[in-house]
Amino acid sequence: MTNAEATLWRLLRGSHVDGLKFRRQVPIGPYIADFLCFQRRLIVELDGPPHDGDERKSRDAARDDWLREQGYQVVRFPNDLIIGSGNIIVDRIRAAVAGASTA
């Protein structure tokens, strides 16, 4: 795990975010989700420098489209946001869950 993944995993594991259970490195079709909450069908992805290039961004977009077609909500965060301020990420995950609940 990268430092960002380890930091986020500490925030997510053990149902620390509103009692939601997350798993890490979950295979879904041809992809592997960084973090997945099955009960809300929410995928949380972390993006480091390898995701900065145009080709990788295009592949990530196609991947996210496929996952959405399968009924998942995908939220992406840059690694530096995780390391710098984990509470912002938790708040954004809560907002994503709330948005999914009303959809």
PDB file of N, CA and C in Angstrom:
ATOM      1  N   MET A   1       0.840  -1.187   0.000  1.00  0.00           N
ATOM      2  CA  MET A   1       0.000   0.000   0.000  1.00  0.00           C
ATOM      3  C   MET A   1       0.878   1.241   0.000  1.00  0.00           C
ATOM      4  N   THR A   2       0.414   2.252  -0.705  1.00  0.00           N
ATOM      5  CA  THR A   2       1.096   3.541  -0.649  1.00  0.00           C
ATOM      6  C   THR A   2       0.760   4.207   0.690  1.00  0.00           C
ATOM      7  N   ASN A   3       1.459   5.279   1.013  1.00  0.00           N
ATOM      8  CA  ASN A   3       1.146   6.015   2.248  1.00  0.00           C
ATOM      9  C   ASN A   3      -0.287   6.526   2.231  1.00  0.00           C
ATOM     10  N   ALA A   4      -0.728   7.019   1.078  1.00  0.00           N
ATOM     11  CA  ALA A   4      -2.096   7.532   0.968  1.00  0.00           C
ATOM     12  C   ALA A   4      -3.115   6.415   1.186  1.00  0.00           C
ATOM     13  N   GLU A   5      -2.874   5.240   0.593  1.00  0.00           N
ATOM     14  CA  GLU A   5      -3.792   4.110   0.777  1.00  0.00           C
ATOM     15  C   GLU A   5      -3.842   3.673   2.232  1.00  0.00           C
ATOM     16  N   ALA A   6      -2.677   3.607   2.878  1.00  0.00           N
ATOM     17  CA  ALA A   6      -2.638   3.212   4.289  1.00  0.00           C
ATOM     18  C   ALA A   6      -3.379   4.227   5.159  1.00  0.00           C
ATOM     19  N   THR A   7      -3.215   5.498   4.865  1.00  0.00           N
ATOM     20  CA  THR A   7      -3.908   6.544   5.625  1.00  0.00           C
ATOM     21  C   THR A   7      -5.416   6.426   5.456  1.00  0.00           C
ATOM     22  N   LEU A   8      -5.866   6.276   4.212  1.00  0.00           N
ATOM     23  CA  LEU A   8      -7.306   6.156   3.968  1.00  0.00           C
ATOM     24  C   LEU A   8      -7.848   4.874   4.584  1.00  0.00           C
ATOM     25  N   TRP A   9      -7.133   3.781   4.493  1.00  0.00           N
ATOM     26  CA  TRP A   9      -7.588   2.523   5.063  1.00  0.00           C
ATOM     27  C   TRP A   9      -7.775   2.653   6.579  1.00  0.00           C
ATOM     28  N   ARG A  10      -6.886   3.369   7.252  1.00  0.00           N
ATOM     29  CA  ARG A  10      -7.059   3.601   8.697  1.00  0.00           C
ATOM     30  C   ARG A  10      -8.354   4.357   8.977  1.00  0.00           C
ATOM     31  N   LEU A  11      -8.740   5.269   8.087  1.00  0.00           N
ATOM     32  CA  LEU A  11      -9.977   6.028   8.265  1.00  0.00           C
ATOM     33  C   LEU A  11     -11.219   5.187   7.966  1.00  0.00           C
ATOM     34  N   LEU A  12     -11.104   4.258   7.016  1.00  0.00           N
ATOM     35  CA  LEU A  12     -12.272   3.507   6.560  1.00  0.00           C
ATOM     36  C   LEU A  12     -12.514   2.198   7.302  1.00  0.00           C
ATOM     37  N   ARG A  13     -11.463   1.509   7.665  1.00  0.00           N
ATOM     38  CA  ARG A  13     -11.644   0.164   8.217  1.00  0.00           C
ATOM     39  C   ARG A  13     -12.317   0.206   9.580  1.00  0.00           C
ATOM     40  N   GLY A  14     -12.920  -0.898   9.916  1.00  0.00           N
ATOM     41  CA  GLY A  14     -13.578  -0.989  11.215  1.00  0.00           C
ATOM     42  C   GLY A  14     -14.846  -0.171  11.304  1.00  0.00           C
ATOM     43  N   SER A  15     -15.463   0.131  10.172  1.00  0.00           N
ATOM     44  CA  SER A  15     -16.750   0.845  10.133  1.00  0.00           C
ATOM     45  C   SER A  15     -16.682   2.214  10.797  1.00  0.00           C
ATOM     46  N   HIS A  16     -15.548   2.900  10.650  1.00  0.00           N
ATOM     47  CA  HIS A  16     -15.388   4.214  11.282  1.00  0.00           C
ATOM     48  C   HIS A  16     -16.164   5.320  10.580  1.00  0.00           C
ATOM     49  N   VAL A  17     -16.579   5.101   9.362  1.00  0.00           N
ATOM     50  CA  VAL A  17     -17.348   6.117   8.630  1.00  0.00           C
ATOM     51  C   VAL A  17     -18.812   5.709   8.669  1.00  0.00           C
ATOM     52  N   ASP A  18     -19.528   6.223   9.646  1.00  0.00           N
ATOM     53  CA  ASP A  18     -20.968   6.017   9.778  1.00  0.00           C
ATOM     54  C   ASP A  18     -21.374   4.545   9.773  1.00  0.00           C
ATOM     55  N   GLY A  19     -20.521   3.685  10.278  1.00  0.00           N
ATOM     56  CA  GLY A  19     -20.852   2.271  10.358  1.00  0.00           C
ATOM     57  C   GLY A  19     -20.742   1.513   9.046  1.00  0.00           C
ATOM     58  N   LEU A  20     -20.283   2.167   7.993  1.00  0.00           N
ATOM     59  CA  LEU A  20     -20.157   1.507   6.694  1.00  0.00           C
ATOM     60  C   LEU A  20     -18.924   0.610   6.680  1.00  0.00           C
ATOM     61  N   LYS A  21     -19.060  -0.521   6.033  1.00  0.00           N
ATOM     62  CA  LYS A  21     -17.945  -1.462   5.943  1.00  0.00           C
ATOM     63  C   LYS A  21     -17.309  -1.352   4.571  1.00  0.00           C
ATOM     64  N   PHE A  22     -16.033  -1.107   4.555  1.00  0.00           N
ATOM     65  CA  PHE A  22     -15.264  -1.025   3.316  1.00  0.00           C
ATOM     66  C   PHE A  22     -14.299  -2.203   3.244  1.00  0.00           C
ATOM     67  N   ARG A  23     -14.053  -2.644   2.031  1.00  0.00           N
ATOM     68  CA  ARG A  23     -13.020  -3.637   1.756  1.00  0.00           C
ATOM     69  C   ARG A  23     -12.035  -2.992   0.818  1.00  0.00           C
ATOM     70  N   ARG A  24     -10.803  -3.488   0.819  1.00  0.00           N
ATOM     71  CA  ARG A  24      -9.800  -2.905  -0.065  1.00  0.00           C
ATOM     72  C   ARG A  24      -9.363  -3.918  -1.100  1.00  0.00           C
ATOM     73  N   GLN A  25      -8.962  -3.374  -2.267  1.00  0.00           N
ATOM     74  CA  GLN A  25      -8.466  -4.181  -3.377  1.00  0.00           C
ATOM     75  C   GLN A  25      -9.466  -5.273  -3.758  1.00  0.00           C
ATOM     76  N   VAL A  26     -10.656  -4.835  -4.170  1.00  0.00           N
ATOM     77  CA  VAL A  26     -11.744  -5.752  -4.498  1.00  0.00           C
ATOM     78  C   VAL A  26     -11.869  -5.890  -6.011  1.00  0.00           C
ATOM     79  N   PRO A  27     -11.779  -7.123  -6.536  1.00  0.00           N
ATOM     80  CA  PRO A  27     -11.973  -7.319  -7.971  1.00  0.00           C
ATOM     81  C   PRO A  27     -13.438  -7.110  -8.364  1.00  0.00           C
ATOM     82  N   ILE A  28     -13.644  -6.331  -9.424  1.00  0.00           N
ATOM     83  CA  ILE A  28     -14.973  -6.133  -9.999  1.00  0.00           C
ATOM     84  C   ILE A  28     -14.799  -6.231 -11.512  1.00  0.00           C
ATOM     85  N   GLY A  29     -15.287  -7.302 -12.086  1.00  0.00           N
ATOM     86  CA  GLY A  29     -15.079  -7.520 -13.510  1.00  0.00           C
ATOM     87  C   GLY A  29     -13.590  -7.518 -13.808  1.00  0.00           C
ATOM     88  N   PRO A  30     -13.184  -6.754 -14.836  1.00  0.00           N
ATOM     89  CA  PRO A  30     -11.767  -6.728 -15.205  1.00  0.00           C
ATOM     90  C   PRO A  30     -10.924  -5.752 -14.374  1.00  0.00           C
ATOM     91  N   TYR A  31     -11.518  -5.141 -13.366  1.00  0.00           N
ATOM     92  CA  TYR A  31     -10.845  -4.096 -12.596  1.00  0.00           C
ATOM     93  C   TYR A  31     -10.692  -4.488 -11.129  1.00  0.00           C
ATOM     94  N   ILE A  32      -9.880  -3.713 -10.426  1.00  0.00           N
ATOM     95  CA  ILE A  32      -9.742  -3.856  -8.977  1.00  0.00           C
ATOM     96  C   ILE A  32     -10.010  -2.499  -8.352  1.00  0.00           C
ATOM     97  N   ALA A  33     -11.018  -2.457  -7.490  1.00  0.00           N
ATOM     98  CA  ALA A  33     -11.364  -1.214  -6.795  1.00  0.00           C
ATOM     99  C   ALA A  33     -10.424  -1.027  -5.613  1.00  0.00           C
ATOM    100  N   ASP A  34      -9.925   0.196  -5.433  1.00  0.00           N
ATOM    101  CA  ASP A  34      -9.069   0.472  -4.273  1.00  0.00           C
ATOM    102  C   ASP A  34      -9.820   0.174  -2.978  1.00  0.00           C
ATOM    103  N   PHE A  35     -11.000   0.775  -2.833  1.00  0.00           N
ATOM    104  CA  PHE A  35     -11.824   0.578  -1.645  1.00  0.00           C
ATOM    105  C   PHE A  35     -13.281   0.485  -2.092  1.00  0.00           C
ATOM    106  N   LEU A  36     -14.026  -0.453  -1.497  1.00  0.00           N
ATOM    107  CA  LEU A  36     -15.414  -0.664  -1.898  1.00  0.00           C
ATOM    108  C   LEU A  36     -16.299  -0.852  -0.685  1.00  0.00           C
ATOM    109  N   CYS A  37     -17.401  -0.126  -0.669  1.00  0.00           N
ATOM    110  CA  CYS A  37     -18.469  -0.334   0.300  1.00  0.00           C
ATOM    111  C   CYS A  37     -19.588  -1.042  -0.462  1.00  0.00           C
ATOM    112  N   PHE A  38     -19.736  -2.348  -0.233  1.00  0.00           N
ATOM    113  CA  PHE A  38     -20.735  -3.127  -0.962  1.00  0.00           C
ATOM    114  C   PHE A  38     -22.145  -2.624  -0.690  1.00  0.00           C
ATOM    115  N   GLN A  39     -22.455  -2.329   0.582  1.00  0.00           N
ATOM    116  CA  GLN A  39     -23.830  -1.977   0.922  1.00  0.00           C
ATOM    117  C   GLN A  39     -24.291  -0.697   0.230  1.00  0.00           C
ATOM    118  N   ARG A  40     -23.388   0.210  -0.122  1.00  0.00           N
ATOM    119  CA  ARG A  40     -23.737   1.445  -0.833  1.00  0.00           C
ATOM    120  C   ARG A  40     -23.257   1.450  -2.276  1.00  0.00           C
ATOM    121  N   ARG A  41     -22.594   0.357  -2.687  1.00  0.00           N
ATOM    122  CA  ARG A  41     -22.049   0.248  -4.041  1.00  0.00           C
ATOM    123  C   ARG A  41     -21.187   1.474  -4.367  1.00  0.00           C
ATOM    124  N   LEU A  42     -20.364   1.835  -3.398  1.00  0.00           N
ATOM    125  CA  LEU A  42     -19.501   3.007  -3.503  1.00  0.00           C
ATOM    126  C   LEU A  42     -18.046   2.569  -3.609  1.00  0.00           C
ATOM    127  N   ILE A  43     -17.374   3.034  -4.642  1.00  0.00           N
ATOM    128  CA  ILE A  43     -15.959   2.762  -4.853  1.00  0.00           C
ATOM    129  C   ILE A  43     -15.189   4.044  -4.608  1.00  0.00           C
ATOM    130  N   VAL A  44     -14.141   3.955  -3.804  1.00  0.00           N
ATOM    131  CA  VAL A  44     -13.259   5.092  -3.547  1.00  0.00           C
ATOM    132  C   VAL A  44     -11.906   4.758  -4.178  1.00  0.00           C
ATOM    133  N   GLU A  45     -11.470   5.612  -5.080  1.00  0.00           N
ATOM    134  CA  GLU A  45     -10.203   5.426  -5.786  1.00  0.00           C
ATOM    135  C   GLU A  45      -9.227   6.524  -5.391  1.00  0.00           C
ATOM    136  N   LEU A  46      -7.972   6.151  -5.235  1.00  0.00           N
ATOM    137  CA  LEU A  46      -6.913   7.111  -4.966  1.00  0.00           C
ATOM    138  C   LEU A  46      -6.033   7.234  -6.204  1.00  0.00           C
ATOM    139  N   ASP A  47      -5.697   8.461  -6.535  1.00  0.00           N
ATOM    140  CA  ASP A  47      -4.894   8.717  -7.726  1.00  0.00           C
ATOM    141  C   ASP A  47      -3.601   9.420  -7.365  1.00  0.00           C
ATOM    142  N   GLY A  48      -2.488   8.753  -7.645  1.00  0.00           N
ATOM    143  CA  GLY A  48      -1.171   9.335  -7.468  1.00  0.00           C
ATOM    144  C   GLY A  48      -0.633   9.813  -8.802  1.00  0.00           C
ATOM    145  N   PRO A  49       0.636  10.162  -8.852  1.00  0.00           N
ATOM    146  CA  PRO A  49       1.251  10.687 -10.071  1.00  0.00           C
ATOM    147  C   PRO A  49       1.059   9.825 -11.328  1.00  0.00           C
ATOM    148  N   PRO A  50       1.017   8.492 -11.232  1.00  0.00           N
ATOM    149  CA  PRO A  50       0.806   7.720 -12.467  1.00  0.00           C
ATOM    150  C   PRO A  50      -0.532   8.003 -13.160  1.00  0.00           C
ATOM    151  N   HIS A  51      -1.471   8.598 -12.443  1.00  0.00           N
ATOM    152  CA  HIS A  51      -2.790   8.905 -13.014  1.00  0.00           C
ATOM    153  C   HIS A  51      -2.838  10.282 -13.667  1.00  0.00           C
ATOM    154  N   ASP A  52      -1.731  11.006 -13.682  1.00  0.00           N
ATOM    155  CA  ASP A  52      -1.721  12.374 -14.195  1.00  0.00           C
ATOM    156  C   ASP A  52      -1.696  12.479 -15.718  1.00  0.00           C
ATOM    157  N   GLY A  53      -1.188  11.497 -16.399  1.00  0.00           N
ATOM    158  CA  GLY A  53      -1.060  11.572 -17.852  1.00  0.00           C
ATOM    159  C   GLY A  53      -2.403  11.480 -18.566  1.00  0.00           C
ATOM    160  N   ASP A  54      -2.463  12.061 -19.774  1.00  0.00           N
ATOM    161  CA  ASP A  54      -3.710  12.064 -20.543  1.00  0.00           C
ATOM    162  C   ASP A  54      -4.200  10.656 -20.864  1.00  0.00           C
ATOM    163  N   GLU A  55      -3.270   9.765 -21.223  1.00  0.00           N
ATOM    164  CA  GLU A  55      -3.667   8.395 -21.558  1.00  0.00           C
ATOM    165  C   GLU A  55      -4.267   7.696 -20.344  1.00  0.00           C
ATOM    166  N   ARG A  56      -3.645   7.866 -19.200  1.00  0.00           N
ATOM    167  CA  ARG A  56      -4.148   7.227 -17.976  1.00  0.00           C
ATOM    168  C   ARG A  56      -5.485   7.825 -17.558  1.00  0.00           C
ATOM    169  N   LYS A  57      -5.645   9.136 -17.705  1.00  0.00           N
ATOM    170  CA  LYS A  57      -6.919   9.764 -17.373  1.00  0.00           C
ATOM    171  C   LYS A  57      -8.034   9.224 -18.259  1.00  0.00           C
ATOM    172  N   SER A  58      -7.717   9.001 -19.525  1.00  0.00           N
ATOM    173  CA  SER A  58      -8.695   8.443 -20.453  1.00  0.00           C
ATOM    174  C   SER A  58      -9.070   7.019 -20.042  1.00  0.00           C
ATOM    175  N   ARG A  59      -8.088   6.218 -19.684  1.00  0.00           N
ATOM    176  CA  ARG A  59      -8.367   4.845 -19.232  1.00  0.00           C
ATOM    177  C   ARG A  59      -9.169   4.843 -17.933  1.00  0.00           C
ATOM    178  N   ASP A  60      -8.832   5.755 -17.019  1.00  0.00           N
ATOM    179  CA  ASP A  60      -9.583   5.856 -15.763  1.00  0.00           C
ATOM    180  C   ASP A  60     -11.040   6.236 -16.026  1.00  0.00           C
ATOM    181  N   ALA A  61     -11.267   7.152 -16.958  1.00  0.00           N
ATOM    182  CA  ALA A  61     -12.627   7.575 -17.289  1.00  0.00           C
ATOM    183  C   ALA A  61     -13.430   6.410 -17.876  1.00  0.00           C
ATOM    184  N   ALA A  62     -12.807   5.632 -18.768  1.00  0.00           N
ATOM    185  CA  ALA A  62     -13.491   4.478 -19.354  1.00  0.00           C
ATOM    186  C   ALA A  62     -13.792   3.437 -18.270  1.00  0.00           C
ATOM    187  N   ARG A  63     -12.858   3.252 -17.372  1.00  0.00           N
ATOM    188  CA  ARG A  63     -13.042   2.319 -16.255  1.00  0.00           C
ATOM    189  C   ARG A  63     -14.201   2.768 -15.372  1.00  0.00           C
ATOM    190  N   ASP A  64     -14.211   4.052 -15.020  1.00  0.00           N
ATOM    191  CA  ASP A  64     -15.282   4.583 -14.178  1.00  0.00           C
ATOM    192  C   ASP A  64     -16.638   4.451 -14.870  1.00  0.00           C
ATOM    193  N   ASP A  65     -16.680   4.701 -16.181  1.00  0.00           N
ATOM    194  CA  ASP A  65     -17.934   4.542 -16.928  1.00  0.00           C
ATOM    195  C   ASP A  65     -18.430   3.101 -16.838  1.00  0.00           C
ATOM    196  N   TRP A  66     -17.521   2.139 -17.022  1.00  0.00           N
ATOM    197  CA  TRP A  66     -17.907   0.737 -16.952  1.00  0.00           C
ATOM    198  C   TRP A  66     -18.437   0.389 -15.563  1.00  0.00           C
ATOM    199  N   LEU A  67     -17.749   0.856 -14.531  1.00  0.00           N
ATOM    200  CA  LEU A  67     -18.189   0.578 -13.167  1.00  0.00           C
ATOM    201  C   LEU A  67     -19.549   1.198 -12.886  1.00  0.00           C
ATOM    202  N   ARG A  68     -19.785   2.400 -13.388  1.00  0.00           N
ATOM    203  CA  ARG A  68     -21.096   3.047 -13.205  1.00  0.00           C
ATOM    204  C   ARG A  68     -22.187   2.255 -13.928  1.00  0.00           C
ATOM    205  N   GLU A  69     -21.862   1.731 -15.092  1.00  0.00           N
ATOM    206  CA  GLU A  69     -22.820   0.895 -15.827  1.00  0.00           C
ATOM    207  C   GLU A  69     -23.186  -0.357 -15.030  1.00  0.00           C
ATOM    208  N   GLN A  70     -22.287  -0.791 -14.168  1.00  0.00           N
ATOM    209  CA  GLN A  70     -22.545  -1.961 -13.325  1.00  0.00           C
ATOM    210  C   GLN A  70     -23.278  -1.574 -12.032  1.00  0.00           C
ATOM    211  N   GLY A  71     -23.579  -0.287 -11.873  1.00  0.00           N
ATOM    212  CA  GLY A  71     -24.335   0.173 -10.714  1.00  0.00           C
ATOM    213  C   GLY A  71     -23.521   0.713  -9.555  1.00  0.00           C
ATOM    214  N   TYR A  72     -22.247   0.976  -9.791  1.00  0.00           N
ATOM    215  CA  TYR A  72     -21.391   1.517  -8.733  1.00  0.00           C
ATOM    216  C   TYR A  72     -21.243   3.026  -8.872  1.00  0.00           C
ATOM    217  N   GLN A  73     -21.084   3.680  -7.753  1.00  0.00           N
ATOM    218  CA  GLN A  73     -20.712   5.091  -7.733  1.00  0.00           C
ATOM    219  C   GLN A  73     -19.204   5.128  -7.490  1.00  0.00           C
ATOM    220  N   VAL A  74     -18.504   5.942  -8.251  1.00  0.00           N
ATOM    221  CA  VAL A  74     -17.048   6.021  -8.126  1.00  0.00           C
ATOM    222  C   VAL A  74     -16.664   7.442  -7.716  1.00  0.00           C
ATOM    223  N   VAL A  75     -15.876   7.542  -6.657  1.00  0.00           N
ATOM    224  CA  VAL A  75     -15.315   8.834  -6.271  1.00  0.00           C
ATOM    225  C   VAL A  75     -13.799   8.695  -6.263  1.00  0.00           C
ATOM    226  N   ARG A  76     -13.131   9.717  -6.779  1.00  0.00           N
ATOM    227  CA  ARG A  76     -11.663   9.710  -6.885  1.00  0.00           C
ATOM    228  C   ARG A  76     -11.087  10.873  -6.089  1.00  0.00           C
ATOM    229  N   PHE A  77      -9.960  10.592  -5.454  1.00  0.00           N
ATOM    230  CA  PHE A  77      -9.256  11.606  -4.692  1.00  0.00           C
ATOM    231  C   PHE A  77      -7.774  11.533  -5.020  1.00  0.00           C
ATOM    232  N   PRO A  78      -7.119  12.687  -5.110  1.00  0.00           N
ATOM    233  CA  PRO A  78      -5.665  12.664  -5.288  1.00  0.00           C
ATOM    234  C   PRO A  78      -4.991  12.255  -3.979  1.00  0.00           C
ATOM    235  N   ASN A  79      -3.885  11.533  -4.103  1.00  0.00           N
ATOM    236  CA  ASN A  79      -3.151  11.075  -2.921  1.00  0.00           C
ATOM    237  C   ASN A  79      -2.819  12.206  -1.962  1.00  0.00           C
ATOM    238  N   ASP A  80      -2.401  13.357  -2.493  1.00  0.00           N
ATOM    239  CA  ASP A  80      -1.971  14.439  -1.601  1.00  0.00           C
ATOM    240  C   ASP A  80      -3.111  14.981  -0.751  1.00  0.00           C
ATOM    241  N   LEU A  81      -4.342  14.860  -1.209  1.00  0.00           N
ATOM    242  CA  LEU A  81      -5.481  15.297  -0.398  1.00  0.00           C
ATOM    243  C   LEU A  81      -5.674  14.356   0.790  1.00  0.00           C
ATOM    244  N   ILE A  82      -5.450  13.087   0.596  1.00  0.00           N
ATOM    245  CA  ILE A  82      -5.571  12.105   1.671  1.00  0.00           C
ATOM    246  C   ILE A  82      -4.526  12.383   2.751  1.00  0.00           C
ATOM    247  N   ILE A  83      -3.297  12.539   2.323  1.00  0.00           N
ATOM    248  CA  ILE A  83      -2.200  12.705   3.269  1.00  0.00           C
ATOM    249  C   ILE A  83      -2.319  14.041   4.006  1.00  0.00           C
ATOM    250  N   GLY A  84      -2.767  15.073   3.306  1.00  0.00           N
ATOM    251  CA  GLY A  84      -2.835  16.399   3.902  1.00  0.00           C
ATOM    252  C   GLY A  84      -4.022  16.631   4.812  1.00  0.00           C
ATOM    253  N   SER A  85      -5.143  15.949   4.536  1.00  0.00           N
ATOM    254  CA  SER A  85      -6.336  16.256   5.327  1.00  0.00           C
ATOM    255  C   SER A  85      -7.384  15.155   5.192  1.00  0.00           C
ATOM    256  N   GLY A  86      -7.186  14.085   5.937  1.00  0.00           N
ATOM    257  CA  GLY A  86      -8.080  12.941   5.882  1.00  0.00           C
ATOM    258  C   GLY A  86      -9.526  13.255   6.201  1.00  0.00           C
ATOM    259  N   ASN A  87      -9.768  14.233   7.082  1.00  0.00           N
ATOM    260  CA  ASN A  87     -11.146  14.550   7.454  1.00  0.00           C
ATOM    261  C   ASN A  87     -11.947  15.091   6.279  1.00  0.00           C
ATOM    262  N   ILE A  88     -11.313  15.804   5.380  1.00  0.00           N
ATOM    263  CA  ILE A  88     -11.999  16.287   4.183  1.00  0.00           C
ATOM    264  C   ILE A  88     -12.481  15.094   3.363  1.00  0.00           C
ATOM    265  N   ILE A  89     -11.655  14.077   3.249  1.00  0.00           N
ATOM    266  CA  ILE A  89     -12.013  12.889   2.496  1.00  0.00           C
ATOM    267  C   ILE A  89     -13.204  12.186   3.136  1.00  0.00           C
ATOM    268  N   VAL A  90     -13.183  12.023   4.442  1.00  0.00           N
ATOM    269  CA  VAL A  90     -14.302  11.377   5.136  1.00  0.00           C
ATOM    270  C   VAL A  90     -15.583  12.156   4.891  1.00  0.00           C
ATOM    271  N   ASP A  91     -15.519  13.475   4.956  1.00  0.00           N
ATOM    272  CA  ASP A  91     -16.706  14.303   4.694  1.00  0.00           C
ATOM    273  C   ASP A  91     -17.199  14.113   3.265  1.00  0.00           C
ATOM    274  N   ARG A  92     -16.286  14.016   2.312  1.00  0.00           N
ATOM    275  CA  ARG A  92     -16.685  13.823   0.914  1.00  0.00           C
ATOM    276  C   ARG A  92     -17.251  12.428   0.680  1.00  0.00           C
ATOM    277  N   ILE A  93     -16.727  11.447   1.377  1.00  0.00           N
ATOM    278  CA  ILE A  93     -17.282  10.093   1.270  1.00  0.00           C
ATOM    279  C   ILE A  93     -18.693  10.079   1.855  1.00  0.00           C
ATOM    280  N   ARG A  94     -18.875  10.731   2.988  1.00  0.00           N
ATOM    281  CA  ARG A  94     -20.227  10.831   3.574  1.00  0.00           C
ATOM    282  C   ARG A  94     -21.194  11.514   2.610  1.00  0.00           C
ATOM    283  N   ALA A  95     -20.738  12.576   1.950  1.00  0.00           N
ATOM    284  CA  ALA A  95     -21.594  13.268   0.988  1.00  0.00           C
ATOM    285  C   ALA A  95     -21.925  12.357  -0.198  1.00  0.00           C
ATOM    286  N   ALA A  96     -20.966  11.571  -0.658  1.00  0.00           N
ATOM    287  CA  ALA A  96     -21.215  10.637  -1.758  1.00  0.00           C
ATOM    288  C   ALA A  96     -22.235   9.585  -1.346  1.00  0.00           C
ATOM    289  N   VAL A  97     -22.117   9.092  -0.111  1.00  0.00           N
ATOM    290  CA  VAL A  97     -23.067   8.098   0.385  1.00  0.00           C
ATOM    291  C   VAL A  97     -24.460   8.719   0.480  1.00  0.00           C
ATOM    292  N   ALA A  98     -24.534   9.947   0.998  1.00  0.00           N
ATOM    293  CA  ALA A  98     -25.824  10.622   1.104  1.00  0.00           C
ATOM    294  C   ALA A  98     -26.442  10.842  -0.269  1.00  0.00           C
ATOM    295  N   GLY A  99     -25.621  11.220  -1.240  1.00  0.00           N
ATOM    296  CA  GLY A  99     -26.117  11.401  -2.602  1.00  0.00           C
ATOM    297  C   GLY A  99     -26.606  10.108  -3.209  1.00  0.00           C
ATOM    298  N   ALA A 100     -25.911   9.016  -2.931  1.00  0.00           N
ATOM    299  CA  ALA A 100     -26.320   7.703  -3.443  1.00  0.00           C
ATOM    300  C   ALA A 100     -27.609   7.248  -2.779  1.00  0.00           C
ATOM    301  N   SER A 101     -27.809   7.618  -1.526  1.00  0.00           N
ATOM    302  CA  SER A 101     -29.002   7.201  -0.801  1.00  0.00           C
ATOM    303  C   SER A 101     -30.251   7.878  -1.326  1.00  0.00           C
ATOM    304  N   THR A 102     -30.077   9.098  -1.868  1.00  0.00           N
ATOM    305  CA  THR A 102     -31.251   9.832  -2.347  1.00  0.00           C
ATOM    306  C   THR A 102     -31.492   9.608  -3.835  1.00  0.00           C
ATOM    307  N   ALA A 103     -30.548   8.963  -4.507  1.00  0.00           N
ATOM    308  CA  ALA A 103     -30.676   8.747  -5.962  1.00  0.00           C
ATOM    309  C   ALA A 103     -31.625   7.607  -6.262  1.00  0.00           C
TER     310      ALA A 103
END
